[in-house]
Amino acid sequence: MIKSMTGFGRGEAKDLDRQFIVEIKSVNHRYNDMVVRMPKRLTYLEEKLKNFIKTEIRRGRIEIYVTMENIGDTDTKISVNTSLAKEYIDSLKEIKEQFHVIDDISVSLVGRFPDVLKIESKEEDEEAVWNCLKDAAMKALDMLMKMRIAEGKKLVEDIESRCEYIKTIVDVVEQRGPKVVEEYKCKLNDRIHEILEEGIEIDENRLNVEVAFMADKSSITEEIVRLKSHIDQLKNTFKEKNPVGRKLDFLIQEMNREVNTIGSKANDLEITNNVVEIKSELEKIREQVQNIE
């Protein structure tokens, strides 16, 4: 199935302790370029998330945004360094006795001393965190893929219609080819009559040899056959299940090569005009192909 490389998806998931929001944005790119932006505390899950996304997306510039909010009990705890607190209190008592100052030792005072109270993060259940994150990512990915498939369908419809139009032009060029040779023969004959004196007969054999040489030199039959074959290949490629963007890009290059050869060999204004029209359509197809995975 043909997929576009452009899309957007958003997913939310939560459990008893946390809520995740995952947003995935994708645009066209030659390779698979993935960037993840997530809270620093979750960076240990970055590669796992990337590998999960890569199971569905093979090509494109992928930007993933992850936000997390704690909705359960606080994820931090406060511990007391009792030995250090005792040292502070003993030192305050020593100051009191030595200098006979007023005793105003209190809990709030001791609690403000450095390192007496220590804030620590609770140990998280990594598997539970990943399952919640994966659930949100799966919903975002599902929305993204639906958008990419829908866009891919439109691209295929547009490209196939342009291919059919190109085929009609190629048929015109194919029918025009033999006429070019006949017109060349007539023009050559008329030119010879102008140059030669009256009464001198034209060597038909020599004329036919010249026309045959020109016909062989300007023959575009092979190029037309290959061009039609490439068009059929391009349309059949849409039936493949694997990503086909690069293959389509290669076929467009080959089609352009055949069309250029037709234009250079034919040496005919009508064919040249048709070649220009074909190249214009191929460029539009190439632009569309750049968005296909």
C-alpha atoms as a PDB file:
ATOM      1  CA  MET A   1       0.000   0.000   0.000  1.00  0.00           C
ATOM      2  CA  ILE A   2       1.349   3.392  -1.025  1.00  0.00           C
ATOM      3  CA  LYS A   3       1.864   5.813   1.844  1.00  0.00           C
ATOM      4  CA  SER A   4       2.683   9.488   1.851  1.00  0.00           C
ATOM      5  CA  MET A   5       5.546  10.645   4.049  1.00  0.00           C
ATOM      6  CA  THR A   6       3.452  13.546   5.337  1.00  0.00           C
ATOM      7  CA  GLY A   7       1.193  13.200   8.352  1.00  0.00           C
ATOM      8  CA  PHE A   8       0.418  14.011  11.968  1.00  0.00           C
ATOM      9  CA  GLY A   9      -0.809  11.946  14.888  1.00  0.00           C
ATOM     10  CA  ARG A  10      -1.621  12.575  18.545  1.00  0.00           C
ATOM     11  CA  GLY A  11      -2.263  10.082  21.300  1.00  0.00           C
ATOM     12  CA  GLU A  12      -2.982  10.176  25.026  1.00  0.00           C
ATOM     13  CA  ALA A  13      -2.751   7.464  27.655  1.00  0.00           C
ATOM     14  CA  LYS A  14      -2.710   7.351  31.426  1.00  0.00           C
ATOM     15  CA  ASP A  15      -2.512   4.971  34.344  1.00  0.00           C
ATOM     16  CA  LEU A  16      -2.893   5.543  38.079  1.00  0.00           C
ATOM     17  CA  ASP A  17       0.333   7.519  38.381  1.00  0.00           C
ATOM     18  CA  ARG A  18       0.960   9.376  35.109  1.00  0.00           C
ATOM     19  CA  GLN A  19      -0.480  10.708  31.869  1.00  0.00           C
ATOM     20  CA  PHE A  20       1.362  10.757  28.531  1.00  0.00           C
ATOM     21  CA  ILE A  21       0.717  12.842  25.432  1.00  0.00           C
ATOM     22  CA  VAL A  22       2.616  11.816  22.304  1.00  0.00           C
ATOM     23  CA  GLU A  23       2.577  13.820  19.068  1.00  0.00           C
ATOM     24  CA  ILE A  24       4.218  12.521  15.871  1.00  0.00           C
ATOM     25  CA  LYS A  25       4.858  14.709  12.846  1.00  0.00           C
ATOM     26  CA  SER A  26       6.325  13.382   9.587  1.00  0.00           C
ATOM     27  CA  VAL A  27       7.474  15.045   6.363  1.00  0.00           C
ATOM     28  CA  ASN A  28       9.310  13.790   3.299  1.00  0.00           C
ATOM     29  CA  HIS A  29      12.986  12.911   3.579  1.00  0.00           C
ATOM     30  CA  ARG A  30      15.382  10.777   1.608  1.00  0.00           C
ATOM     31  CA  TYR A  31      16.137   8.502   4.567  1.00  0.00           C
ATOM     32  CA  ASN A  32      14.601   7.619   7.943  1.00  0.00           C
ATOM     33  CA  ASP A  33      15.522  10.588  10.111  1.00  0.00           C
ATOM     34  CA  MET A  34      13.927  10.442  13.559  1.00  0.00           C
ATOM     35  CA  VAL A  35      14.118  13.037  16.338  1.00  0.00           C
ATOM     36  CA  VAL A  36      12.609  12.552  19.809  1.00  0.00           C
ATOM     37  CA  ARG A  37      11.950  15.355  22.263  1.00  0.00           C
ATOM     38  CA  MET A  38      10.965  14.093  25.711  1.00  0.00           C
ATOM     39  CA  PRO A  39      11.545  14.876  29.420  1.00  0.00           C
ATOM     40  CA  LYS A  40      15.112  14.262  30.486  1.00  0.00           C
ATOM     41  CA  ARG A  41      14.047  11.734  33.104  1.00  0.00           C
ATOM     42  CA  LEU A  42      12.616   9.539  30.312  1.00  0.00           C
ATOM     43  CA  THR A  43      15.622   9.511  27.983  1.00  0.00           C
ATOM     44  CA  TYR A  44      16.317   5.885  28.891  1.00  0.00           C
ATOM     45  CA  LEU A  45      13.202   5.034  26.835  1.00  0.00           C
ATOM     46  CA  GLU A  46      14.217   7.027  23.729  1.00  0.00           C
ATOM     47  CA  GLU A  47      15.733   4.175  21.711  1.00  0.00           C
ATOM     48  CA  LYS A  48      12.893   1.871  22.671  1.00  0.00           C
ATOM     49  CA  LEU A  49      10.386   4.442  21.418  1.00  0.00           C
ATOM     50  CA  LYS A  50      12.317   4.965  18.166  1.00  0.00           C
ATOM     51  CA  ASN A  51      12.414   1.233  17.441  1.00  0.00           C
ATOM     52  CA  PHE A  52       8.689   1.002  18.107  1.00  0.00           C
ATOM     53  CA  ILE A  53       7.940   3.815  15.620  1.00  0.00           C
ATOM     54  CA  LYS A  54      10.288   2.315  13.021  1.00  0.00           C
ATOM     55  CA  THR A  55       8.171  -0.836  12.852  1.00  0.00           C
ATOM     56  CA  GLU A  56       5.610   1.205  10.902  1.00  0.00           C
ATOM     57  CA  ILE A  57       7.581   4.084   9.373  1.00  0.00           C
ATOM     58  CA  ARG A  58      10.460   3.227   7.045  1.00  0.00           C
ATOM     59  CA  ARG A  59      11.222   6.604   5.486  1.00  0.00           C
ATOM     60  CA  GLY A  60      10.752  10.294   6.235  1.00  0.00           C
ATOM     61  CA  ARG A  61      11.700  12.993   8.717  1.00  0.00           C
ATOM     62  CA  ILE A  62       9.922  12.011  11.941  1.00  0.00           C
ATOM     63  CA  GLU A  63       9.584  14.345  14.915  1.00  0.00           C
ATOM     64  CA  ILE A  64       8.207  12.874  18.141  1.00  0.00           C
ATOM     65  CA  TYR A  65       7.137  15.031  21.078  1.00  0.00           C
ATOM     66  CA  VAL A  66       6.490  13.404  24.461  1.00  0.00           C
ATOM     67  CA  THR A  67       5.033  15.128  27.526  1.00  0.00           C
ATOM     68  CA  MET A  68       4.282  13.493  30.859  1.00  0.00           C
ATOM     69  CA  GLU A  69       2.249  14.649  33.831  1.00  0.00           C
ATOM     70  CA  ASN A  70       2.129  12.958  37.232  1.00  0.00           C
ATOM     71  CA  ILE A  71      -1.467  12.431  38.314  1.00  0.00           C
ATOM     72  CA  GLY A  72      -0.979  10.010  41.222  1.00  0.00           C
ATOM     73  CA  ASP A  73       0.938  10.393  44.454  1.00  0.00           C
ATOM     74  CA  THR A  74       3.958  12.654  44.365  1.00  0.00           C
ATOM     75  CA  ASP A  75       6.942  11.039  42.734  1.00  0.00           C
ATOM     76  CA  THR A  76       9.366  12.475  45.292  1.00  0.00           C
ATOM     77  CA  LYS A  77      10.130  11.727  48.927  1.00  0.00           C
ATOM     78  CA  ILE A  78      11.948  13.651  51.640  1.00  0.00           C
ATOM     79  CA  SER A  79      14.437  11.908  53.907  1.00  0.00           C
ATOM     80  CA  VAL A  80      16.139  13.222  57.048  1.00  0.00           C
ATOM     81  CA  ASN A  81      19.847  12.956  57.592  1.00  0.00           C
ATOM     82  CA  THR A  82      19.529  12.339  61.348  1.00  0.00           C
ATOM     83  CA  SER A  83      23.228  12.033  62.040  1.00  0.00           C
ATOM     84  CA  LEU A  84      23.911  15.368  60.365  1.00  0.00           C
ATOM     85  CA  ALA A  85      20.972  16.973  62.192  1.00  0.00           C
ATOM     86  CA  LYS A  86      22.405  15.719  65.496  1.00  0.00           C
ATOM     87  CA  GLU A  87      25.771  17.244  64.644  1.00  0.00           C
ATOM     88  CA  TYR A  88      24.091  20.587  63.951  1.00  0.00           C
ATOM     89  CA  ILE A  89      22.125  20.485  67.231  1.00  0.00           C
ATOM     90  CA  ASP A  90      25.161  19.477  69.274  1.00  0.00           C
ATOM     91  CA  SER A  91      27.167  22.280  67.695  1.00  0.00           C
ATOM     92  CA  LEU A  92      24.415  24.806  68.484  1.00  0.00           C
ATOM     93  CA  LYS A  93      24.303  23.651  72.104  1.00  0.00           C
ATOM     94  CA  GLU A  94      28.070  24.020  72.315  1.00  0.00           C
ATOM     95  CA  ILE A  95      27.786  27.607  71.009  1.00  0.00           C
ATOM     96  CA  LYS A  96      25.059  28.307  73.600  1.00  0.00           C
ATOM     97  CA  GLU A  97      27.120  27.008  76.521  1.00  0.00           C
ATOM     98  CA  GLN A  98      30.376  28.627  75.455  1.00  0.00           C
ATOM     99  CA  PHE A  99      29.007  32.021  74.560  1.00  0.00           C
ATOM    100  CA  HIS A 100      25.916  32.075  76.841  1.00  0.00           C
ATOM    101  CA  VAL A 101      23.537  32.994  74.048  1.00  0.00           C
ATOM    102  CA  ILE A 102      19.782  32.529  74.076  1.00  0.00           C
ATOM    103  CA  ASP A 103      18.684  29.006  73.207  1.00  0.00           C
ATOM    104  CA  ASP A 104      16.378  29.290  70.156  1.00  0.00           C
ATOM    105  CA  ILE A 105      17.008  25.906  68.607  1.00  0.00           C
ATOM    106  CA  SER A 106      13.904  24.744  66.720  1.00  0.00           C
ATOM    107  CA  VAL A 107      12.904  22.183  64.125  1.00  0.00           C
ATOM    108  CA  SER A 108      12.475  24.842  61.450  1.00  0.00           C
ATOM    109  CA  LEU A 109      15.937  26.188  62.178  1.00  0.00           C
ATOM    110  CA  VAL A 110      17.638  22.809  61.964  1.00  0.00           C
ATOM    111  CA  GLY A 111      15.626  21.892  58.868  1.00  0.00           C
ATOM    112  CA  ARG A 112      17.053  24.862  57.001  1.00  0.00           C
ATOM    113  CA  PHE A 113      20.638  23.708  57.433  1.00  0.00           C
ATOM    114  CA  PRO A 114      22.268  22.243  54.293  1.00  0.00           C
ATOM    115  CA  ASP A 115      21.663  18.558  53.581  1.00  0.00           C
ATOM    116  CA  VAL A 116      19.541  17.921  56.679  1.00  0.00           C
ATOM    117  CA  LEU A 117      16.484  17.372  54.497  1.00  0.00           C
ATOM    118  CA  LYS A 118      17.100  15.531  51.242  1.00  0.00           C
ATOM    119  CA  ILE A 119      14.593  15.409  48.364  1.00  0.00           C
ATOM    120  CA  GLU A 120      14.752  12.203  46.372  1.00  0.00           C
ATOM    121  CA  SER A 121      12.796  10.853  43.426  1.00  0.00           C
ATOM    122  CA  LYS A 122      10.920   7.672  44.060  1.00  0.00           C
ATOM    123  CA  GLU A 123      12.068   4.667  42.077  1.00  0.00           C
ATOM    124  CA  GLU A 124       9.734   4.215  39.093  1.00  0.00           C
ATOM    125  CA  ASP A 125       8.413   1.008  37.645  1.00  0.00           C
ATOM    126  CA  GLU A 126      10.113   1.260  34.245  1.00  0.00           C
ATOM    127  CA  GLU A 127       7.892  -1.379  32.676  1.00  0.00           C
ATOM    128  CA  ALA A 128       4.737   0.456  33.774  1.00  0.00           C
ATOM    129  CA  VAL A 129       6.128   3.746  32.446  1.00  0.00           C
ATOM    130  CA  TRP A 130       6.972   2.173  29.078  1.00  0.00           C
ATOM    131  CA  ASN A 131       3.576   0.492  28.731  1.00  0.00           C
ATOM    132  CA  CYS A 132       1.789   3.785  29.307  1.00  0.00           C
ATOM    133  CA  LEU A 133       4.104   5.633  26.907  1.00  0.00           C
ATOM    134  CA  LYS A 134       3.743   2.908  24.267  1.00  0.00           C
ATOM    135  CA  ASP A 135      -0.050   3.078  24.528  1.00  0.00           C
ATOM    136  CA  ALA A 136       0.005   6.835  23.796  1.00  0.00           C
ATOM    137  CA  ALA A 137       2.566   6.355  21.004  1.00  0.00           C
ATOM    138  CA  MET A 138       0.438   3.606  19.446  1.00  0.00           C
ATOM    139  CA  LYS A 139      -2.597   5.894  19.272  1.00  0.00           C
ATOM    140  CA  ALA A 140      -0.528   8.712  17.758  1.00  0.00           C
ATOM    141  CA  LEU A 141       1.046   6.313  15.263  1.00  0.00           C
ATOM    142  CA  ASP A 142      -2.344   4.915  14.263  1.00  0.00           C
ATOM    143  CA  MET A 143      -3.655   8.421  13.504  1.00  0.00           C
ATOM    144  CA  LEU A 144      -0.471   9.274  11.611  1.00  0.00           C
ATOM    145  CA  MET A 145      -0.584   6.133   9.473  1.00  0.00           C
ATOM    146  CA  LYS A 146      -4.237   6.677   8.547  1.00  0.00           C
ATOM    147  CA  MET A 147      -3.346  10.161   7.370  1.00  0.00           C
ATOM    148  CA  ARG A 148      -0.316   8.897   5.426  1.00  0.00           C
ATOM    149  CA  ILE A 149      -2.380   6.160   3.745  1.00  0.00           C
ATOM    150  CA  ALA A 150      -5.170   8.595   2.799  1.00  0.00           C
ATOM    151  CA  GLU A 151      -2.639  11.037   1.372  1.00  0.00           C
ATOM    152  CA  GLY A 152      -0.857   8.193  -0.431  1.00  0.00           C
ATOM    153  CA  LYS A 153      -4.118   7.179  -2.115  1.00  0.00           C
ATOM    154  CA  LYS A 154      -4.572  10.707  -3.463  1.00  0.00           C
ATOM    155  CA  LEU A 155      -0.986  10.766  -4.743  1.00  0.00           C
ATOM    156  CA  VAL A 156      -1.495   7.477  -6.589  1.00  0.00           C
ATOM    157  CA  GLU A 157      -4.701   8.723  -8.215  1.00  0.00           C
ATOM    158  CA  ASP A 158      -2.967  11.874  -9.394  1.00  0.00           C
ATOM    159  CA  ILE A 159       0.113  10.053 -10.707  1.00  0.00           C
ATOM    160  CA  GLU A 160      -1.941   7.401 -12.525  1.00  0.00           C
ATOM    161  CA  SER A 161      -4.049  10.047 -14.254  1.00  0.00           C
ATOM    162  CA  ARG A 162      -0.888  11.841 -15.385  1.00  0.00           C
ATOM    163  CA  CYS A 163       0.570   8.554 -16.648  1.00  0.00           C
ATOM    164  CA  GLU A 164      -2.544   7.965 -18.757  1.00  0.00           C
ATOM    165  CA  TYR A 165      -2.220  11.461 -20.181  1.00  0.00           C
ATOM    166  CA  ILE A 166       1.453  10.849 -20.995  1.00  0.00           C
ATOM    167  CA  LYS A 167       0.478   7.621 -22.768  1.00  0.00           C
ATOM    168  CA  THR A 168      -1.895   9.506 -25.062  1.00  0.00           C
ATOM    169  CA  ILE A 169       0.897  11.937 -25.975  1.00  0.00           C
ATOM    170  CA  VAL A 170       3.322   9.060 -26.570  1.00  0.00           C
ATOM    171  CA  ASP A 171       0.794   7.485 -28.946  1.00  0.00           C
ATOM    172  CA  VAL A 172       0.680  10.745 -30.892  1.00  0.00           C
ATOM    173  CA  VAL A 173       4.485  10.835 -31.049  1.00  0.00           C
ATOM    174  CA  GLU A 174       4.576   7.200 -32.171  1.00  0.00           C
ATOM    175  CA  GLN A 175       2.169   7.897 -35.022  1.00  0.00           C
ATOM    176  CA  ARG A 176       4.110  10.999 -35.997  1.00  0.00           C
ATOM    177  CA  GLY A 177       7.466   9.173 -36.246  1.00  0.00           C
ATOM    178  CA  PRO A 178       7.034   7.533 -39.712  1.00  0.00           C
ATOM    179  CA  LYS A 179       5.581  10.746 -41.132  1.00  0.00           C
ATOM    180  CA  VAL A 180       8.781  12.583 -40.205  1.00  0.00           C
ATOM    181  CA  VAL A 181      10.761  10.228 -42.439  1.00  0.00           C
ATOM    182  CA  GLU A 182       8.320  10.660 -45.347  1.00  0.00           C
ATOM    183  CA  GLU A 183       8.433  14.434 -44.993  1.00  0.00           C
ATOM    184  CA  TYR A 184      12.230  14.321 -44.927  1.00  0.00           C
ATOM    185  CA  LYS A 185      12.246  12.288 -48.137  1.00  0.00           C
ATOM    186  CA  CYS A 186       9.953  14.811 -49.865  1.00  0.00           C
ATOM    187  CA  LYS A 187      11.972  17.771 -48.684  1.00  0.00           C
ATOM    188  CA  LEU A 188      15.215  16.113 -49.781  1.00  0.00           C
ATOM    189  CA  ASN A 189      13.737  15.333 -53.163  1.00  0.00           C
ATOM    190  CA  ASP A 190      12.498  18.898 -53.630  1.00  0.00           C
ATOM    191  CA  ARG A 191      15.848  20.299 -52.561  1.00  0.00           C
ATOM    192  CA  ILE A 192      17.720  18.137 -55.035  1.00  0.00           C
ATOM    193  CA  HIS A 193      15.402  19.267 -57.838  1.00  0.00           C
ATOM    194  CA  GLU A 194      16.169  22.862 -56.971  1.00  0.00           C
ATOM    195  CA  ILE A 195      19.903  22.289 -57.112  1.00  0.00           C
ATOM    196  CA  LEU A 196      20.219  20.010 -60.122  1.00  0.00           C
ATOM    197  CA  GLU A 197      19.870  21.311 -63.673  1.00  0.00           C
ATOM    198  CA  GLU A 198      16.742  20.490 -65.547  1.00  0.00           C
ATOM    199  CA  GLY A 199      16.805  17.220 -67.361  1.00  0.00           C
ATOM    200  CA  ILE A 200      19.131  15.476 -64.916  1.00  0.00           C
ATOM    201  CA  GLU A 201      17.481  12.530 -63.290  1.00  0.00           C
ATOM    202  CA  ILE A 202      17.749  11.833 -59.554  1.00  0.00           C
ATOM    203  CA  ASP A 203      19.424   8.621 -58.500  1.00  0.00           C
ATOM    204  CA  GLU A 204      16.570   6.990 -56.637  1.00  0.00           C
ATOM    205  CA  ASN A 205      18.849   4.404 -55.067  1.00  0.00           C
ATOM    206  CA  ARG A 206      21.116   7.083 -53.634  1.00  0.00           C
ATOM    207  CA  LEU A 207      18.093   9.003 -52.414  1.00  0.00           C
ATOM    208  CA  ASN A 208      16.655   5.910 -50.770  1.00  0.00           C
ATOM    209  CA  VAL A 209      19.978   5.194 -49.059  1.00  0.00           C
ATOM    210  CA  GLU A 210      20.062   8.716 -47.667  1.00  0.00           C
ATOM    211  CA  VAL A 211      16.458   8.458 -46.458  1.00  0.00           C
ATOM    212  CA  ALA A 212      17.133   5.040 -44.906  1.00  0.00           C
ATOM    213  CA  PHE A 213      20.162   6.436 -43.082  1.00  0.00           C
ATOM    214  CA  MET A 214      18.095   9.337 -41.766  1.00  0.00           C
ATOM    215  CA  ALA A 215      15.246   6.994 -40.795  1.00  0.00           C
ATOM    216  CA  ASP A 216      17.615   4.768 -38.838  1.00  0.00           C
ATOM    217  CA  LYS A 217      19.322   7.710 -37.185  1.00  0.00           C
ATOM    218  CA  SER A 218      16.051   9.370 -36.148  1.00  0.00           C
ATOM    219  CA  SER A 219      14.125   6.206 -35.257  1.00  0.00           C
ATOM    220  CA  ILE A 220      12.447   6.589 -31.851  1.00  0.00           C
ATOM    221  CA  THR A 221      10.758   3.174 -31.806  1.00  0.00           C
ATOM    222  CA  GLU A 222      13.000   1.691 -29.119  1.00  0.00           C
ATOM    223  CA  GLU A 223      12.675   4.752 -26.907  1.00  0.00           C
ATOM    224  CA  ILE A 224       8.877   4.701 -27.191  1.00  0.00           C
ATOM    225  CA  VAL A 225       8.747   0.983 -26.349  1.00  0.00           C
ATOM    226  CA  ARG A 226      10.929   1.518 -23.267  1.00  0.00           C
ATOM    227  CA  LEU A 227       8.971   4.610 -22.225  1.00  0.00           C
ATOM    228  CA  LYS A 228       5.683   2.694 -22.376  1.00  0.00           C
ATOM    229  CA  SER A 229       7.282  -0.146 -20.422  1.00  0.00           C
ATOM    230  CA  HIS A 230       8.446   2.275 -17.706  1.00  0.00           C
ATOM    231  CA  ILE A 231       4.934   3.708 -17.422  1.00  0.00           C
ATOM    232  CA  ASP A 232       3.512   0.208 -16.919  1.00  0.00           C
ATOM    233  CA  GLN A 233       6.235  -0.595 -14.386  1.00  0.00           C
ATOM    234  CA  LEU A 234       5.471   2.582 -12.493  1.00  0.00           C
ATOM    235  CA  LYS A 235       1.788   1.727 -12.255  1.00  0.00           C
ATOM    236  CA  ASN A 236       2.521  -1.876 -11.215  1.00  0.00           C
ATOM    237  CA  THR A 237       4.849  -0.603  -8.493  1.00  0.00           C
ATOM    238  CA  PHE A 238       1.829   0.880  -6.720  1.00  0.00           C
ATOM    239  CA  LYS A 239       0.655  -2.677  -5.986  1.00  0.00           C
ATOM    240  CA  GLU A 240       3.763  -3.546  -3.955  1.00  0.00           C
ATOM    241  CA  LYS A 241       3.537  -3.717  -0.158  1.00  0.00           C
ATOM    242  CA  ASN A 242       7.019  -2.438   0.693  1.00  0.00           C
ATOM    243  CA  PRO A 243       8.076   1.239   0.483  1.00  0.00           C
ATOM    244  CA  VAL A 244       8.523   2.123  -3.211  1.00  0.00           C
ATOM    245  CA  GLY A 245       9.453   5.834  -3.181  1.00  0.00           C
ATOM    246  CA  ARG A 246      13.055   5.310  -4.301  1.00  0.00           C
ATOM    247  CA  LYS A 247      12.046   2.838  -7.005  1.00  0.00           C
ATOM    248  CA  LEU A 248       9.502   5.300  -8.369  1.00  0.00           C
ATOM    249  CA  ASP A 249      12.123   8.042  -8.351  1.00  0.00           C
ATOM    250  CA  PHE A 250      14.448   5.819 -10.402  1.00  0.00           C
ATOM    251  CA  LEU A 251      11.693   5.041 -12.937  1.00  0.00           C
ATOM    252  CA  ILE A 252      10.981   8.749 -13.381  1.00  0.00           C
ATOM    253  CA  GLN A 253      14.674   9.331 -14.120  1.00  0.00           C
ATOM    254  CA  GLU A 254      14.622   6.573 -16.744  1.00  0.00           C
ATOM    255  CA  MET A 255      11.467   7.977 -18.323  1.00  0.00           C
ATOM    256  CA  ASN A 256      13.068  11.423 -18.539  1.00  0.00           C
ATOM    257  CA  ARG A 257      16.099   9.878 -20.218  1.00  0.00           C
ATOM    258  CA  GLU A 258      13.970   8.204 -22.902  1.00  0.00           C
ATOM    259  CA  VAL A 259      11.965  11.376 -23.502  1.00  0.00           C
ATOM    260  CA  ASN A 260      15.135  13.452 -23.905  1.00  0.00           C
ATOM    261  CA  THR A 261      16.456  10.953 -26.428  1.00  0.00           C
ATOM    262  CA  ILE A 262      13.198  11.092 -28.384  1.00  0.00           C
ATOM    263  CA  GLY A 263      13.418  14.882 -28.511  1.00  0.00           C
ATOM    264  CA  SER A 264      17.024  14.889 -29.717  1.00  0.00           C
ATOM    265  CA  LYS A 265      16.571  12.162 -32.357  1.00  0.00           C
ATOM    266  CA  ALA A 266      13.237  13.156 -33.857  1.00  0.00           C
ATOM    267  CA  ASN A 267      14.255  16.620 -35.094  1.00  0.00           C
ATOM    268  CA  ASP A 268      10.619  17.534 -35.592  1.00  0.00           C
ATOM    269  CA  LEU A 269       8.749  20.537 -34.184  1.00  0.00           C
ATOM    270  CA  GLU A 270       5.530  18.665 -33.431  1.00  0.00           C
ATOM    271  CA  ILE A 271       7.363  15.879 -31.614  1.00  0.00           C
ATOM    272  CA  THR A 272       9.496  18.430 -29.770  1.00  0.00           C
ATOM    273  CA  ASN A 273       6.352  20.171 -28.512  1.00  0.00           C
ATOM    274  CA  ASN A 274       4.957  16.867 -27.329  1.00  0.00           C
ATOM    275  CA  VAL A 275       8.262  16.055 -25.617  1.00  0.00           C
ATOM    276  CA  VAL A 276       8.058  19.350 -23.729  1.00  0.00           C
ATOM    277  CA  GLU A 277       4.536  18.455 -22.572  1.00  0.00           C
ATOM    278  CA  ILE A 278       5.630  14.985 -21.448  1.00  0.00           C
ATOM    279  CA  LYS A 279       8.584  16.426 -19.521  1.00  0.00           C
ATOM    280  CA  SER A 280       6.241  18.900 -17.822  1.00  0.00           C
ATOM    281  CA  GLU A 281       4.003  16.052 -16.657  1.00  0.00           C
ATOM    282  CA  LEU A 282       6.986  13.957 -15.553  1.00  0.00           C
ATOM    283  CA  GLU A 283       8.219  16.840 -13.414  1.00  0.00           C
ATOM    284  CA  LYS A 284       4.829  17.033 -11.709  1.00  0.00           C
ATOM    285  CA  ILE A 285       4.944  13.278 -11.114  1.00  0.00           C
ATOM    286  CA  ARG A 286       8.491  13.554  -9.750  1.00  0.00           C
ATOM    287  CA  GLU A 287       7.342  16.169  -7.248  1.00  0.00           C
ATOM    288  CA  GLN A 288       4.540  13.873  -6.105  1.00  0.00           C
ATOM    289  CA  VAL A 289       6.880  10.879  -5.865  1.00  0.00           C
ATOM    290  CA  GLN A 290       9.107  12.841  -3.481  1.00  0.00           C
ATOM    291  CA  ASN A 291       6.283  12.543  -0.926  1.00  0.00           C
ATOM    292  CA  ILE A 292       5.876   8.770  -1.237  1.00  0.00           C
ATOM    293  CA  GLU A 293       7.492   6.512   1.358  1.00  0.00           C
END
